[in-house]
Protein backbone atom coordinates (compact mmCIF):
# COMPACT_ATOMS: atom_id res chain seq x y z
CA MET A 1 219.42 -91.28 264.15
CA ASP A 2 219.46 -94.84 265.51
CA SER A 3 216.36 -96.60 264.44
CA HIS A 4 217.56 -100.01 265.21
CA LYS A 5 217.14 -99.68 269.00
CA THR A 6 216.91 -103.44 270.26
CA SER A 7 217.10 -103.16 273.90
CA HIS A 8 214.51 -104.93 276.24
CA GLU A 9 215.45 -103.07 279.47
CA PRO A 10 212.90 -102.51 281.97
CA ALA A 11 213.25 -98.64 282.22
CA LEU A 12 210.65 -96.95 283.96
CA SER A 13 209.98 -95.25 280.81
CA ARG A 14 208.69 -98.62 279.38
CA LEU A 15 206.82 -99.44 282.74
CA VAL A 16 203.89 -97.52 281.18
CA THR A 17 203.21 -100.45 278.74
CA THR A 18 201.97 -102.42 281.47
CA ARG A 19 198.28 -103.24 281.78
CA ARG A 20 198.19 -101.31 285.12
CA ALA A 21 199.32 -98.02 283.61
CA ALA A 22 197.25 -98.69 280.61
CA ILE A 23 194.07 -98.89 282.51
CA PHE A 24 195.28 -95.91 284.75
CA ALA A 25 195.91 -93.91 281.85
CA GLY A 26 192.60 -94.92 280.27
CA GLY A 27 191.28 -92.64 282.94
CA ALA A 28 192.11 -89.60 281.15
CA THR A 29 189.11 -87.49 279.94
CA ALA A 30 187.91 -87.72 276.49
CA ALA A 31 188.21 -84.15 276.46
CA ALA A 32 191.67 -84.11 277.39
CA LEU A 33 192.38 -86.21 274.44
CA LEU A 34 190.24 -84.35 271.96
CA ALA A 35 191.96 -80.81 273.09
CA ALA A 36 195.40 -82.40 272.82
CA CYS A 37 194.61 -83.46 269.09
CA GLY A 38 193.84 -80.24 268.48
CA ASN A 39 192.18 -80.32 265.07
CA SER A 40 188.63 -81.30 264.28
CA GLY A 41 186.20 -79.87 261.53
CA SER A 42 186.66 -76.62 259.99
CA LYS A 43 189.46 -74.52 261.16
CA GLU A 44 190.11 -70.78 261.04
CA GLY A 45 193.02 -69.56 258.70
CA GLY A 46 194.87 -71.37 256.22
CA LYS A 47 193.07 -72.77 252.80
CA ALA A 48 189.46 -72.40 253.25
CA SER A 49 186.82 -74.79 251.79
CA ASP A 50 183.85 -73.68 250.12
CA SER A 51 182.83 -77.51 249.61
CA GLY A 52 179.90 -78.90 250.93
CA GLY A 53 180.67 -82.27 250.00
CA SER A 54 180.71 -84.20 246.75
CA ASP A 55 177.42 -83.85 245.12
CA ALA A 56 178.77 -81.49 242.72
CA THR A 57 182.45 -82.80 242.38
CA PRO A 58 183.60 -82.32 238.67
CA ALA A 59 184.77 -84.97 236.59
CA LEU A 60 188.54 -85.97 237.02
CA PRO A 61 190.96 -86.33 234.00
CA GLU A 62 191.70 -89.85 232.77
CA PRO A 63 194.03 -91.71 235.69
CA THR A 64 197.54 -91.63 234.95
CA GLN A 65 198.04 -95.30 236.59
CA SER A 66 196.60 -98.23 237.86
CA ALA A 67 197.99 -98.90 241.09
CA ALA A 68 199.73 -96.76 243.74
CA VAL A 69 203.73 -96.30 243.26
CA SER A 70 205.01 -96.29 247.05
CA VAL A 71 208.70 -95.34 247.90
CA PRO A 72 210.72 -97.66 249.83
CA PHE A 73 210.74 -96.82 253.40
CA ASP A 74 213.85 -93.60 253.98
CA GLU A 75 214.47 -93.05 257.64
CA SER A 76 216.01 -89.53 256.44
CA LYS A 77 212.41 -88.62 255.56
CA PRO A 78 209.85 -88.24 258.19
CA TYR A 79 206.93 -89.45 256.14
CA LEU A 80 205.77 -92.34 254.18
CA GLU A 81 205.20 -91.48 250.47
CA PHE A 82 202.98 -92.69 247.57
CA ASN A 83 203.16 -91.44 243.94
CA PRO A 84 206.32 -89.28 244.46
CA ASP A 85 206.12 -88.49 240.59
CA SER A 86 202.65 -87.34 240.48
CA LYS A 87 201.59 -84.30 238.49
CA GLY A 88 198.92 -83.72 241.10
CA PRO A 89 198.68 -81.84 244.30
CA ALA A 90 200.85 -82.85 247.16
CA VAL A 91 198.94 -84.18 250.08
CA GLU A 92 200.13 -84.23 253.49
CA LEU A 93 198.53 -86.04 256.51
CA LEU A 94 199.87 -85.61 260.07
CA VAL A 95 198.01 -88.31 262.08
CA ASP A 96 198.46 -89.75 265.67
CA TYR A 97 196.54 -93.33 265.85
CA ARG A 98 195.34 -92.52 269.69
CA CYS A 99 193.61 -89.05 268.32
CA PRO A 100 189.99 -89.43 268.19
CA HIS A 101 189.65 -87.05 265.50
CA CYS A 102 191.89 -89.06 263.56
CA LYS A 103 189.77 -91.90 263.52
CA LEU A 104 186.94 -89.89 262.70
CA PHE A 105 188.86 -88.25 259.82
CA ALA A 106 189.67 -91.78 258.45
CA GLU A 107 186.43 -93.06 258.40
CA ALA A 108 185.17 -90.01 256.53
CA GLN A 109 188.28 -89.54 254.09
CA ASP A 110 190.46 -92.52 253.59
CA LYS A 111 188.18 -94.29 251.15
CA ASP A 112 188.46 -91.32 248.90
CA ILE A 113 192.09 -90.60 249.50
CA ARG A 114 192.89 -94.27 248.57
CA GLU A 115 191.05 -94.16 245.50
CA LEU A 116 193.07 -90.84 244.24
CA VAL A 117 196.18 -92.37 245.60
CA GLU A 118 195.76 -95.79 243.48
CA LYS A 119 195.01 -93.82 240.29
CA GLY A 120 198.02 -91.88 240.55
CA TYR A 121 196.18 -88.33 240.85
CA ILE A 122 197.87 -87.11 243.85
CA ASN A 123 201.26 -87.63 245.82
CA TYR A 124 200.34 -88.51 249.13
CA ARG A 125 202.71 -88.37 252.51
CA VAL A 126 201.70 -89.73 255.92
CA TYR A 127 203.34 -88.47 258.89
CA PRO A 128 202.80 -91.02 261.94
CA ARG A 129 202.96 -88.99 264.88
CA PRO A 130 203.42 -90.18 268.34
CA MET A 131 201.75 -86.87 269.80
CA LEU A 132 199.24 -88.34 272.49
CA ASP A 133 201.72 -90.41 274.35
CA LYS A 134 202.52 -87.42 276.42
CA VAL A 135 198.89 -86.61 277.44
CA THR A 136 197.86 -90.41 278.09
CA GLY A 137 201.26 -91.46 279.98
CA LEU A 138 201.14 -94.69 277.59
CA ASN A 139 203.33 -95.71 274.71
CA PHE A 140 200.12 -96.31 272.46
CA SER A 141 200.68 -93.55 269.75
CA ASN A 142 204.40 -94.74 269.59
CA ASP A 143 203.76 -98.23 269.13
CA THR A 144 201.16 -97.77 266.57
CA ALA A 145 203.01 -95.34 264.46
CA SER A 146 206.09 -97.85 264.74
CA ALA A 147 203.94 -100.63 263.65
CA VAL A 148 202.51 -98.71 260.51
CA VAL A 149 206.40 -97.65 259.72
CA ALA A 150 207.66 -101.19 260.44
CA SER A 151 204.74 -102.57 258.32
CA TRP A 152 205.97 -100.00 255.41
CA ALA A 153 209.46 -101.27 255.54
CA GLU A 154 208.71 -104.48 255.32
CA ASP A 155 205.93 -103.83 252.02
CA PRO A 156 204.11 -100.72 251.23
CA LYS A 157 201.26 -102.70 250.00
CA LEU A 158 200.34 -103.41 253.89
CA PHE A 159 199.87 -99.65 254.75
CA TRP A 160 195.91 -99.43 254.30
CA ASP A 161 195.13 -102.40 256.28
CA MET A 162 197.90 -101.62 258.97
CA ASN A 163 196.34 -98.18 259.01
CA ASP A 164 192.80 -99.42 259.52
CA ALA A 165 193.99 -102.18 262.15
CA MET A 166 195.90 -99.39 264.18
CA PHE A 167 192.71 -97.18 264.40
CA ALA A 168 190.69 -100.40 265.41
CA LEU A 169 192.77 -100.57 268.56
CA GLN A 170 191.91 -97.25 269.81
CA PRO A 171 189.86 -97.52 272.86
CA GLU A 172 186.09 -96.71 272.43
CA SER A 173 186.08 -94.61 275.62
CA PRO A 174 188.69 -93.10 278.24
CA GLU A 175 187.53 -95.86 280.76
CA ASP A 176 188.47 -98.72 278.27
CA PRO A 177 192.17 -99.98 278.85
CA THR A 178 194.55 -99.03 276.12
CA PRO A 179 196.43 -101.95 274.30
CA ASP A 180 199.90 -102.56 275.47
CA THR A 181 203.26 -102.72 273.11
CA ALA A 182 202.56 -106.56 272.91
CA GLU A 183 199.01 -106.25 271.85
CA VAL A 184 199.76 -103.98 269.21
CA ALA A 185 202.38 -106.09 267.99
CA GLU A 186 199.81 -109.09 267.77
CA ALA A 187 197.35 -106.82 265.90
CA ALA A 188 200.08 -105.96 263.34
CA VAL A 189 200.52 -109.63 262.57
CA LYS A 190 197.09 -110.41 262.20
CA ALA A 191 196.60 -107.38 259.96
CA GLY A 192 199.19 -109.18 257.51
CA ALA A 193 202.80 -108.37 258.63
CA SER A 194 205.36 -110.74 259.49
CA GLU A 195 207.12 -111.65 262.86
CA GLU A 196 210.07 -109.41 261.99
CA VAL A 197 207.47 -106.56 262.13
CA LYS A 198 206.24 -107.61 265.42
CA ASN A 199 209.81 -107.89 266.72
CA ALA A 200 210.24 -104.20 265.44
CA VAL A 201 207.37 -103.12 267.53
CA LEU A 202 208.60 -105.02 270.42
CA ASP A 203 212.10 -103.99 270.36
CA GLU A 204 211.40 -100.26 269.54
CA LYS A 205 213.09 -100.44 266.41
CA TYR A 206 211.33 -97.25 265.14
CA ARG A 207 210.92 -95.37 268.24
CA ASP A 208 213.52 -92.70 267.53
CA TYR A 209 212.32 -92.43 263.68
CA VAL A 210 208.81 -91.64 265.08
CA ALA A 211 210.19 -89.38 267.47
CA THR A 212 211.53 -87.18 264.56
CA VAL A 213 208.22 -87.10 262.90
CA GLU A 214 206.81 -85.68 266.28
CA GLU A 215 209.43 -83.12 265.85
CA VAL A 216 207.89 -81.86 262.41
CA GLY A 217 204.54 -81.74 263.96
CA GLN A 218 205.67 -79.51 266.99
CA GLU A 219 207.72 -77.46 264.60
CA ARG A 220 204.77 -76.66 262.31
CA GLN A 221 202.56 -76.05 265.45
CA VAL A 222 199.78 -78.18 264.51
CA GLY A 223 197.74 -80.85 266.10
CA THR A 224 196.14 -84.02 264.42
CA PRO A 225 194.76 -84.64 261.73
CA THR A 226 196.25 -81.95 259.91
CA VAL A 227 196.25 -82.03 256.03
CA TYR A 228 198.33 -79.88 253.80
CA ILE A 229 197.30 -79.46 249.80
CA ASP A 230 200.37 -78.26 248.22
CA GLY A 231 201.95 -76.57 251.43
CA GLU A 232 198.61 -74.97 252.34
CA GLU A 233 196.80 -76.38 255.67
CA TRP A 234 193.44 -77.65 254.56
CA MET A 235 190.56 -76.24 256.48
CA GLY A 236 187.60 -78.18 255.50
CA ASP A 237 185.43 -80.49 257.96
CA GLY A 238 187.52 -83.84 258.14
CA GLU A 239 184.65 -85.48 259.93
CA LYS A 240 182.28 -84.86 256.96
CA PRO A 241 182.43 -87.49 253.97
CA GLY A 242 183.52 -85.89 250.53
CA THR A 243 184.82 -82.67 251.61
CA LEU A 244 188.51 -83.34 250.99
CA LYS A 245 188.00 -85.37 247.92
CA ALA A 246 185.92 -82.40 246.36
CA ASP A 247 188.75 -79.90 247.18
CA LEU A 248 191.38 -82.26 246.09
CA VAL A 249 189.54 -82.98 242.67
CA LYS A 250 189.62 -79.17 242.10
CA ALA A 251 193.35 -79.01 242.82
CA ILE A 252 193.74 -82.05 240.64
CA ILE A 253 191.71 -80.42 237.72
CA ALA A 254 193.65 -77.07 238.28
CA LYS A 255 197.30 -78.60 237.99
CA ALA A 256 196.01 -80.92 234.96
CA LYS A 257 195.13 -77.60 232.93
CA LYS A 258 198.57 -75.80 233.58
């Protein structure tokens, strides 16, 4: 895999990052984007959730650490990883920063996920997918995924701020123009990344890498957001606060008893 592409050649594939293309593609209907994401609310099959929220969440065992342990970027792995040695459940998230459901999921669940990550309760893997570019005809999914990866390669501590910044760029409606590559790169800098990260986005340094992440999503035949807990797809309502945490707490406690 060549993850160090630096060409600025004006190929036809890159013309979609112009403002005109962004406005045109912004006319894609919300229904098309939501359908392409594929995942929202409770789903059929897989690991069901009987949790209605966090009201009856049992107490967790004592935390094993006071800060998240991050794994340096490894282009051979299609994910960014926290707490590889955690004795808690392994949690995977497949996410596209253009996906409206992913943004709603983040608003409902990220605070809880981050808390569990910071205290070492879970092993957490994030798969930043550029899935929706094929629907919009733009490069926004690729650009935002690349920004997250590039910032992780620089300093994994930037992840949560970068994650928030990329979701903040998501157009409020299909009629709103989609930020182009340069705007995504500038947003990354505003979120705390260096000029090196900015240039990595502009130069498509991680384009091939995030393409391999998308291949993983296609192989699993799932949309976004998709969550796995110890290899089983979580079927709870991802847009309802507290649902994922409640099920993760149960999994954490169950593992602690073994």
